[in-house]
Amino acid sequence: MANRPDKYPMNKTIHKIYLLLDNIRSVHNVGSIFRTADGAGVSKIYCVETTPVPVDRFGRKRRDFAKVSLGAEQTVGWEHLGEGEVVKTIRKLKKEGFVVIAVEQDENAVGLAELQTEKIAKKNILYIFGNEVGGVSPEIMKLADMIVEIPMNGTKESLNVSVTAGIILFR
């Protein structure tokens, strides 16, 4: 069944949602996050340091990226940030009124179900997702206004970062 415009109206969100991908290594995870971000109405993705971007160092479109993202790199704004630009960018966004939410397992984290949506409703949000092994860097964690985690009930300690992004963005 095709999507009907009257049944699925365009996202009329007046606030912005940005993502910051902190040294995520897998091009497939990043491409998947771009695709999910497009579906969730994300305006911009910051790819930090080693996080793969949609083009190679020569400016050519990456086929491996595009295969997973299905063209979302053309509909979601993105920017690559080097080591010295991350903290400055987060501070700038905070001054612009963004609420910075790190998605990470941490003793100070609140569970996803406990996240008080009224605190972030109608606000611009920057969600930060970390590296598959090390998580969000401590330097970036210090800048977060809030830390949220998805409680794990099985034997595994965490979910794939692209799955986590989908859960957070569509909660």
N, C-alpha and C. Protein backbone atom coordinates (compact mmCIF):
# COMPACT_ATOMS: atom_id res chain seq x y z
N MET A 1 0.85 -1.18 0.00
CA MET A 1 0.00 0.00 0.00
C MET A 1 0.89 1.25 0.00
N ALA A 2 0.66 2.14 -0.89
CA ALA A 2 1.45 3.37 -0.98
C ALA A 2 1.08 4.32 0.16
N ASN A 3 2.06 5.12 0.56
CA ASN A 3 1.78 6.13 1.58
C ASN A 3 0.83 7.18 1.01
N ARG A 4 -0.22 7.45 1.74
CA ARG A 4 -1.17 8.48 1.34
C ARG A 4 -0.81 9.77 2.06
N PRO A 5 -0.72 10.89 1.33
CA PRO A 5 -0.36 12.16 1.96
C PRO A 5 -1.27 12.54 3.12
N ASP A 6 -2.57 12.24 3.03
CA ASP A 6 -3.47 12.62 4.10
C ASP A 6 -3.28 11.73 5.34
N LYS A 7 -2.81 10.53 5.15
CA LYS A 7 -2.60 9.62 6.27
C LYS A 7 -1.23 9.85 6.92
N TYR A 8 -0.25 10.20 6.13
CA TYR A 8 1.11 10.41 6.63
C TYR A 8 1.59 11.80 6.24
N PRO A 9 1.10 12.85 6.92
CA PRO A 9 1.50 14.21 6.55
C PRO A 9 2.99 14.43 6.81
N MET A 10 3.56 15.36 6.08
CA MET A 10 4.97 15.70 6.26
C MET A 10 5.20 16.16 7.69
N ASN A 11 6.37 15.89 8.18
CA ASN A 11 6.73 16.28 9.54
C ASN A 11 6.70 17.81 9.63
N LYS A 12 5.84 18.33 10.46
CA LYS A 12 5.70 19.78 10.62
C LYS A 12 6.43 20.27 11.86
N THR A 13 7.44 19.52 12.28
CA THR A 13 8.19 19.87 13.47
C THR A 13 8.81 21.26 13.32
N ILE A 14 8.62 22.09 14.33
CA ILE A 14 9.18 23.44 14.26
C ILE A 14 10.55 23.51 14.92
N HIS A 15 10.93 22.46 15.62
CA HIS A 15 12.25 22.45 16.24
C HIS A 15 13.20 21.61 15.40
N LYS A 16 14.48 21.82 15.62
CA LYS A 16 15.51 21.11 14.85
C LYS A 16 16.04 19.94 15.67
N ILE A 17 16.35 18.87 14.97
CA ILE A 17 17.03 17.74 15.57
C ILE A 17 18.32 17.52 14.79
N TYR A 18 19.43 17.57 15.51
CA TYR A 18 20.74 17.32 14.94
C TYR A 18 21.31 16.07 15.62
N LEU A 19 22.23 15.41 14.91
CA LEU A 19 22.96 14.29 15.48
C LEU A 19 24.45 14.58 15.42
N LEU A 20 25.17 14.07 16.40
CA LEU A 20 26.63 14.12 16.38
C LEU A 20 27.12 12.69 16.55
N LEU A 21 27.86 12.21 15.57
CA LEU A 21 28.37 10.84 15.57
C LEU A 21 29.85 10.88 15.94
N ASP A 22 30.15 10.47 17.16
CA ASP A 22 31.48 10.59 17.74
C ASP A 22 32.34 9.38 17.41
N ASN A 23 33.12 9.51 16.34
CA ASN A 23 34.09 8.48 15.95
C ASN A 23 33.48 7.09 15.74
N ILE A 24 32.33 7.06 15.11
CA ILE A 24 31.72 5.78 14.75
C ILE A 24 32.51 5.24 13.56
N ARG A 25 32.92 4.00 13.65
CA ARG A 25 33.86 3.45 12.67
C ARG A 25 33.21 2.84 11.43
N SER A 26 32.03 2.29 11.57
CA SER A 26 31.43 1.51 10.49
C SER A 26 30.67 2.37 9.49
N VAL A 27 31.07 2.27 8.23
CA VAL A 27 30.35 3.00 7.18
C VAL A 27 28.92 2.52 7.07
N HIS A 28 28.68 1.24 7.34
CA HIS A 28 27.32 0.72 7.27
C HIS A 28 26.45 1.28 8.39
N ASN A 29 27.00 1.38 9.59
CA ASN A 29 26.25 1.97 10.69
C ASN A 29 25.92 3.43 10.40
N VAL A 30 26.89 4.17 9.90
CA VAL A 30 26.67 5.60 9.62
C VAL A 30 25.66 5.77 8.48
N GLY A 31 25.79 4.98 7.43
CA GLY A 31 24.81 5.05 6.34
C GLY A 31 23.41 4.73 6.82
N SER A 32 23.30 3.75 7.70
CA SER A 32 22.00 3.39 8.27
C SER A 32 21.44 4.52 9.13
N ILE A 33 22.30 5.16 9.90
CA ILE A 33 21.86 6.30 10.72
C ILE A 33 21.37 7.43 9.82
N PHE A 34 22.04 7.70 8.72
CA PHE A 34 21.59 8.73 7.79
C PHE A 34 20.18 8.41 7.27
N ARG A 35 19.97 7.16 6.91
CA ARG A 35 18.66 6.76 6.38
C ARG A 35 17.57 6.92 7.45
N THR A 36 17.86 6.49 8.67
CA THR A 36 16.91 6.63 9.77
C THR A 36 16.68 8.10 10.08
N ALA A 37 17.75 8.89 10.07
CA ALA A 37 17.64 10.32 10.35
C ALA A 37 16.73 11.01 9.35
N ASP A 38 16.83 10.64 8.09
CA ASP A 38 15.95 11.22 7.08
C ASP A 38 14.49 10.92 7.42
N GLY A 39 14.22 9.67 7.78
CA GLY A 39 12.85 9.30 8.12
C GLY A 39 12.32 9.99 9.35
N ALA A 40 13.21 10.36 10.26
CA ALA A 40 12.81 11.01 11.51
C ALA A 40 12.80 12.54 11.41
N GLY A 41 13.20 13.09 10.28
CA GLY A 41 13.19 14.54 10.11
C GLY A 41 14.39 15.25 10.69
N VAL A 42 15.51 14.56 10.83
CA VAL A 42 16.74 15.19 11.33
C VAL A 42 17.24 16.20 10.30
N SER A 43 17.66 17.36 10.78
CA SER A 43 18.12 18.43 9.89
C SER A 43 19.59 18.33 9.53
N LYS A 44 20.41 17.83 10.49
CA LYS A 44 21.85 17.84 10.25
C LYS A 44 22.53 16.75 11.06
N ILE A 45 23.60 16.20 10.47
CA ILE A 45 24.43 15.21 11.15
C ILE A 45 25.87 15.70 11.12
N TYR A 46 26.49 15.74 12.30
CA TYR A 46 27.91 16.04 12.41
C TYR A 46 28.66 14.72 12.50
N CYS A 47 29.59 14.51 11.60
CA CYS A 47 30.43 13.31 11.60
C CYS A 47 31.79 13.70 12.16
N VAL A 48 32.11 13.17 13.33
CA VAL A 48 33.32 13.57 14.06
C VAL A 48 34.50 12.68 13.71
N GLU A 49 35.60 13.34 13.40
CA GLU A 49 36.91 12.74 13.13
C GLU A 49 36.86 11.53 12.21
N THR A 50 36.93 10.31 12.75
CA THR A 50 37.03 9.11 11.91
C THR A 50 35.68 8.60 11.42
N THR A 51 34.60 9.23 11.80
CA THR A 51 33.27 8.81 11.33
C THR A 51 33.21 8.95 9.81
N PRO A 52 32.85 7.88 9.10
CA PRO A 52 32.76 7.96 7.64
C PRO A 52 31.74 9.00 7.18
N VAL A 53 32.06 9.67 6.09
CA VAL A 53 31.15 10.65 5.49
C VAL A 53 30.76 10.16 4.09
N PRO A 54 29.73 10.76 3.50
CA PRO A 54 29.21 10.28 2.21
C PRO A 54 30.16 10.38 1.02
N VAL A 55 31.22 11.16 1.15
CA VAL A 55 32.18 11.30 0.04
C VAL A 55 33.57 10.91 0.52
N ASP A 56 34.39 10.44 -0.41
CA ASP A 56 35.76 10.08 -0.04
C ASP A 56 36.64 11.33 0.00
N ARG A 57 37.89 11.15 0.29
CA ARG A 57 38.79 12.31 0.45
C ARG A 57 38.99 13.10 -0.84
N PHE A 58 38.58 12.54 -1.97
CA PHE A 58 38.67 13.23 -3.25
C PHE A 58 37.34 13.87 -3.66
N GLY A 59 36.34 13.77 -2.77
CA GLY A 59 35.05 14.36 -3.05
C GLY A 59 34.11 13.48 -3.87
N ARG A 60 34.51 12.23 -4.08
CA ARG A 60 33.67 11.30 -4.84
C ARG A 60 32.65 10.63 -3.92
N LYS A 61 31.45 10.41 -4.46
CA LYS A 61 30.39 9.73 -3.73
C LYS A 61 30.87 8.32 -3.35
N ARG A 62 30.67 7.94 -2.09
CA ARG A 62 31.04 6.60 -1.63
C ARG A 62 29.90 5.63 -1.93
N ARG A 63 30.16 4.65 -2.75
CA ARG A 63 29.13 3.68 -3.12
C ARG A 63 28.68 2.85 -1.92
N ASP A 64 29.63 2.47 -1.05
CA ASP A 64 29.27 1.66 0.12
C ASP A 64 28.35 2.43 1.06
N PHE A 65 28.57 3.72 1.17
CA PHE A 65 27.74 4.58 2.01
C PHE A 65 26.34 4.71 1.39
N ALA A 66 26.31 5.05 0.10
CA ALA A 66 25.05 5.28 -0.60
C ALA A 66 24.18 4.03 -0.65
N LYS A 67 24.82 2.86 -0.71
CA LYS A 67 24.07 1.60 -0.76
C LYS A 67 23.22 1.42 0.50
N VAL A 68 23.75 1.83 1.64
CA VAL A 68 23.03 1.68 2.90
C VAL A 68 22.10 2.86 3.16
N SER A 69 22.54 4.05 2.85
CA SER A 69 21.74 5.25 3.16
C SER A 69 20.60 5.47 2.17
N LEU A 70 20.68 4.83 1.01
CA LEU A 70 19.67 4.99 -0.04
C LEU A 70 19.41 6.45 -0.42
N GLY A 71 20.48 7.25 -0.45
CA GLY A 71 20.36 8.64 -0.88
C GLY A 71 20.06 9.63 0.22
N ALA A 72 19.95 9.16 1.47
CA ALA A 72 19.65 10.09 2.57
C ALA A 72 20.74 11.13 2.77
N GLU A 73 21.96 10.85 2.30
CA GLU A 73 23.04 11.83 2.41
C GLU A 73 22.76 13.06 1.55
N GLN A 74 21.79 12.95 0.64
CA GLN A 74 21.41 14.07 -0.20
C GLN A 74 20.24 14.86 0.38
N THR A 75 19.58 14.30 1.40
CA THR A 75 18.42 14.97 1.98
C THR A 75 18.63 15.44 3.42
N VAL A 76 19.67 14.92 4.06
CA VAL A 76 20.01 15.33 5.42
C VAL A 76 21.33 16.09 5.34
N GLY A 77 21.35 17.29 5.88
CA GLY A 77 22.59 18.06 5.89
C GLY A 77 23.63 17.37 6.74
N TRP A 78 24.88 17.50 6.36
CA TRP A 78 25.94 16.90 7.15
C TRP A 78 27.21 17.74 7.08
N GLU A 79 28.04 17.54 8.09
CA GLU A 79 29.31 18.27 8.16
C GLU A 79 30.32 17.39 8.89
N HIS A 80 31.55 17.40 8.41
CA HIS A 80 32.61 16.67 9.08
C HIS A 80 33.31 17.62 10.05
N LEU A 81 33.53 17.16 11.28
CA LEU A 81 34.22 17.96 12.29
C LEU A 81 35.54 17.30 12.66
N GLY A 82 36.60 18.06 12.61
CA GLY A 82 37.89 17.57 13.07
C GLY A 82 38.00 17.67 14.58
N GLU A 83 39.09 17.19 15.10
CA GLU A 83 39.30 17.11 16.55
C GLU A 83 39.06 18.44 17.27
N GLY A 84 39.57 19.51 16.75
CA GLY A 84 39.46 20.80 17.43
C GLY A 84 38.11 21.49 17.28
N GLU A 85 37.24 20.96 16.46
CA GLU A 85 35.98 21.64 16.16
C GLU A 85 34.79 21.15 16.98
N VAL A 86 34.91 20.00 17.60
CA VAL A 86 33.75 19.37 18.25
C VAL A 86 33.24 20.17 19.43
N VAL A 87 34.11 20.46 20.38
CA VAL A 87 33.70 21.19 21.59
C VAL A 87 33.16 22.56 21.22
N LYS A 88 33.84 23.24 20.32
CA LYS A 88 33.41 24.56 19.87
C LYS A 88 32.00 24.50 19.24
N THR A 89 31.75 23.48 18.43
CA THR A 89 30.45 23.33 17.78
C THR A 89 29.35 23.06 18.80
N ILE A 90 29.62 22.17 19.76
CA ILE A 90 28.61 21.86 20.78
C ILE A 90 28.30 23.11 21.61
N ARG A 91 29.32 23.84 22.00
CA ARG A 91 29.10 25.07 22.78
C ARG A 91 28.30 26.09 22.00
N LYS A 92 28.58 26.20 20.71
CA LYS A 92 27.83 27.13 19.85
C LYS A 92 26.36 26.73 19.80
N LEU A 93 26.09 25.44 19.62
CA LEU A 93 24.70 24.97 19.57
C LEU A 93 23.98 25.20 20.90
N LYS A 94 24.68 25.01 22.01
CA LYS A 94 24.08 25.27 23.32
C LYS A 94 23.70 26.74 23.46
N LYS A 95 24.55 27.63 22.97
CA LYS A 95 24.24 29.06 23.01
C LYS A 95 23.03 29.38 22.16
N GLU A 96 22.81 28.58 21.11
CA GLU A 96 21.65 28.77 20.24
C GLU A 96 20.39 28.13 20.81
N GLY A 97 20.50 27.54 22.00
CA GLY A 97 19.33 26.97 22.66
C GLY A 97 19.13 25.47 22.49
N PHE A 98 20.07 24.79 21.89
CA PHE A 98 19.96 23.34 21.74
C PHE A 98 20.12 22.65 23.08
N VAL A 99 19.32 21.61 23.31
CA VAL A 99 19.49 20.71 24.45
C VAL A 99 20.40 19.59 23.95
N VAL A 100 21.50 19.34 24.66
CA VAL A 100 22.47 18.34 24.24
C VAL A 100 22.25 17.06 25.04
N ILE A 101 21.92 15.99 24.32
CA ILE A 101 21.61 14.71 24.96
C ILE A 101 22.59 13.65 24.45
N ALA A 102 23.42 13.15 25.37
CA ALA A 102 24.32 12.04 25.04
C ALA A 102 23.56 10.74 25.24
N VAL A 103 23.67 9.85 24.28
CA VAL A 103 23.04 8.53 24.38
C VAL A 103 24.17 7.57 24.74
N GLU A 104 24.16 7.17 26.01
CA GLU A 104 25.31 6.42 26.53
C GLU A 104 24.93 5.69 27.80
N GLN A 105 25.57 4.57 28.05
CA GLN A 105 25.42 3.88 29.33
C GLN A 105 26.33 4.58 30.32
N ASP A 106 25.73 5.09 31.38
CA ASP A 106 26.48 5.89 32.34
C ASP A 106 25.73 5.88 33.66
N GLU A 107 26.47 6.00 34.76
CA GLU A 107 25.81 6.00 36.08
C GLU A 107 24.86 7.18 36.26
N ASN A 108 25.05 8.25 35.49
CA ASN A 108 24.17 9.42 35.57
C ASN A 108 23.06 9.42 34.53
N ALA A 109 22.97 8.34 33.76
CA ALA A 109 21.97 8.29 32.69
C ALA A 109 20.59 7.98 33.24
N VAL A 110 19.59 8.51 32.55
CA VAL A 110 18.20 8.14 32.83
C VAL A 110 17.79 7.15 31.75
N GLY A 111 16.92 6.23 32.12
CA GLY A 111 16.41 5.28 31.15
C GLY A 111 15.52 5.98 30.14
N LEU A 112 15.44 5.43 28.97
CA LEU A 112 14.64 6.03 27.90
C LEU A 112 13.20 6.28 28.35
N ALA A 113 12.63 5.33 29.10
CA ALA A 113 11.25 5.50 29.57
C ALA A 113 11.11 6.62 30.58
N GLU A 114 12.20 6.97 31.25
CA GLU A 114 12.18 8.01 32.27
C GLU A 114 12.48 9.40 31.72
N LEU A 115 12.85 9.45 30.46
CA LEU A 115 13.18 10.74 29.85
C LEU A 115 11.96 11.64 29.89
N GLN A 116 12.10 12.77 30.51
CA GLN A 116 10.98 13.69 30.65
C GLN A 116 10.84 14.50 29.37
N THR A 117 9.90 14.09 28.56
CA THR A 117 9.76 14.73 27.26
C THR A 117 9.34 16.19 27.35
N GLU A 118 8.69 16.58 28.44
CA GLU A 118 8.31 17.99 28.55
C GLU A 118 9.54 18.90 28.66
N LYS A 119 10.67 18.35 29.14
CA LYS A 119 11.90 19.15 29.23
C LYS A 119 12.49 19.41 27.86
N ILE A 120 12.21 18.53 26.92
CA ILE A 120 12.80 18.70 25.59
C ILE A 120 11.78 18.97 24.50
N ALA A 121 10.50 18.93 24.85
CA ALA A 121 9.46 19.18 23.86
C ALA A 121 9.62 20.58 23.26
N LYS A 122 9.50 20.65 21.98
CA LYS A 122 9.57 21.92 21.23
C LYS A 122 10.92 22.62 21.37
N LYS A 123 11.96 21.89 21.75
CA LYS A 123 13.30 22.47 21.83
C LYS A 123 14.16 21.87 20.73
N ASN A 124 15.15 22.62 20.32
CA ASN A 124 16.14 22.08 19.40
C ASN A 124 17.00 21.08 20.17
N ILE A 125 17.28 19.93 19.56
CA ILE A 125 18.00 18.87 20.25
C ILE A 125 19.20 18.41 19.44
N LEU A 126 20.31 18.21 20.14
CA LEU A 126 21.49 17.56 19.56
C LEU A 126 21.66 16.24 20.30
N TYR A 127 21.44 15.13 19.59
CA TYR A 127 21.69 13.81 20.16
C TYR A 127 23.11 13.39 19.79
N ILE A 128 23.83 12.86 20.76
CA ILE A 128 25.20 12.42 20.53
C ILE A 128 25.26 10.90 20.68
N PHE A 129 25.81 10.26 19.65
CA PHE A 129 26.00 8.81 19.65
C PHE A 129 27.50 8.53 19.55
N GLY A 130 27.96 7.54 20.31
CA GLY A 130 29.39 7.29 20.40
C GLY A 130 29.88 6.09 19.63
N ASN A 131 31.18 5.96 19.69
CA ASN A 131 31.93 4.89 19.07
C ASN A 131 31.44 3.53 19.54
N GLU A 132 31.48 2.55 18.66
CA GLU A 132 30.97 1.22 18.93
C GLU A 132 31.66 0.53 20.11
N VAL A 133 32.90 0.88 20.37
CA VAL A 133 33.65 0.25 21.47
C VAL A 133 33.77 1.17 22.68
N GLY A 134 34.23 2.38 22.47
CA GLY A 134 34.51 3.30 23.57
C GLY A 134 33.37 4.21 23.98
N GLY A 135 32.31 4.27 23.19
CA GLY A 135 31.19 5.14 23.51
C GLY A 135 31.50 6.61 23.21
N VAL A 136 30.74 7.48 23.84
CA VAL A 136 30.93 8.93 23.68
C VAL A 136 32.16 9.32 24.49
N SER A 137 33.03 10.12 23.90
CA SER A 137 34.27 10.52 24.59
C SER A 137 33.95 11.31 25.86
N PRO A 138 34.79 11.17 26.89
CA PRO A 138 34.56 11.90 28.15
C PRO A 138 34.48 13.41 27.96
N GLU A 139 35.28 13.95 27.06
CA GLU A 139 35.27 15.39 26.79
C GLU A 139 33.90 15.85 26.29
N ILE A 140 33.30 15.06 25.44
CA ILE A 140 31.98 15.40 24.91
C ILE A 140 30.89 15.15 25.96
N MET A 141 31.05 14.07 26.73
CA MET A 141 30.06 13.75 27.78
C MET A 141 29.90 14.92 28.76
N LYS A 142 30.99 15.61 29.06
CA LYS A 142 30.95 16.73 30.00
C LYS A 142 30.04 17.86 29.51
N LEU A 143 29.84 17.95 28.21
CA LEU A 143 29.04 19.02 27.64
C LEU A 143 27.55 18.69 27.53
N ALA A 144 27.20 17.44 27.83
CA ALA A 144 25.80 17.02 27.70
C ALA A 144 24.95 17.61 28.81
N ASP A 145 23.75 18.04 28.44
CA ASP A 145 22.77 18.51 29.42
C ASP A 145 22.07 17.33 30.07
N MET A 146 22.06 16.22 29.36
CA MET A 146 21.34 15.05 29.82
C MET A 146 21.99 13.82 29.18
N ILE A 147 21.96 12.70 29.91
CA ILE A 147 22.44 11.43 29.38
C ILE A 147 21.28 10.46 29.45
N VAL A 148 21.03 9.78 28.35
CA VAL A 148 19.93 8.81 28.30
C VAL A 148 20.49 7.48 27.81
N GLU A 149 19.92 6.39 28.36
CA GLU A 149 20.33 5.07 27.90
C GLU A 149 19.10 4.20 27.68
N ILE A 150 19.29 3.19 26.87
CA ILE A 150 18.24 2.21 26.63
C ILE A 150 18.54 1.02 27.53
N PRO A 151 17.68 0.74 28.50
CA PRO A 151 17.94 -0.38 29.40
C PRO A 151 18.00 -1.71 28.64
N MET A 152 18.95 -2.53 29.02
CA MET A 152 19.13 -3.84 28.39
C MET A 152 18.62 -4.92 29.33
N ASN A 153 17.75 -5.78 28.83
CA ASN A 153 17.16 -6.83 29.65
C ASN A 153 17.73 -8.22 29.37
N GLY A 154 18.50 -8.37 28.32
CA GLY A 154 19.07 -9.66 27.97
C GLY A 154 20.50 -9.79 28.45
N THR A 155 21.26 -10.62 27.80
CA THR A 155 22.64 -10.86 28.21
C THR A 155 23.62 -9.89 27.56
N LYS A 156 23.23 -9.25 26.48
CA LYS A 156 24.12 -8.30 25.80
C LYS A 156 24.08 -6.96 26.50
N GLU A 157 25.21 -6.27 26.51
CA GLU A 157 25.33 -5.00 27.22
C GLU A 157 24.80 -3.81 26.43
N SER A 158 24.74 -3.94 25.10
CA SER A 158 24.34 -2.78 24.31
C SER A 158 23.75 -3.22 22.98
N LEU A 159 23.17 -2.24 22.29
CA LEU A 159 22.62 -2.44 20.95
C LEU A 159 23.57 -1.84 19.92
N ASN A 160 23.41 -2.23 18.68
CA ASN A 160 24.13 -1.62 17.59
C ASN A 160 23.80 -0.13 17.56
N VAL A 161 24.76 0.71 17.26
CA VAL A 161 24.56 2.16 17.31
C VAL A 161 23.48 2.63 16.34
N SER A 162 23.35 1.99 15.19
CA SER A 162 22.30 2.41 14.26
C SER A 162 20.92 2.02 14.76
N VAL A 163 20.82 0.90 15.45
CA VAL A 163 19.54 0.49 16.06
C VAL A 163 19.20 1.46 17.19
N THR A 164 20.20 1.80 17.99
CA THR A 164 20.00 2.75 19.08
C THR A 164 19.49 4.09 18.55
N ALA A 165 20.09 4.57 17.48
CA ALA A 165 19.66 5.84 16.89
C ALA A 165 18.19 5.77 16.47
N GLY A 166 17.80 4.65 15.87
CA GLY A 166 16.40 4.50 15.47
C GLY A 166 15.44 4.53 16.63
N ILE A 167 15.81 3.86 17.71
CA ILE A 167 14.94 3.84 18.90
C ILE A 167 14.82 5.24 19.49
N ILE A 168 15.92 5.93 19.62
CA ILE A 168 15.93 7.28 20.19
C ILE A 168 15.13 8.24 19.31
N LEU A 169 15.34 8.21 18.02
CA LEU A 169 14.69 9.17 17.13
C LEU A 169 13.20 8.93 16.96
N PHE A 170 12.76 7.71 17.14
CA PHE A 170 11.34 7.40 16.96
C PHE A 170 10.62 7.09 18.26
N ARG A 171 11.21 7.43 19.38
CA ARG A 171 10.56 7.15 20.67
C ARG A 171 9.33 7.99 20.86
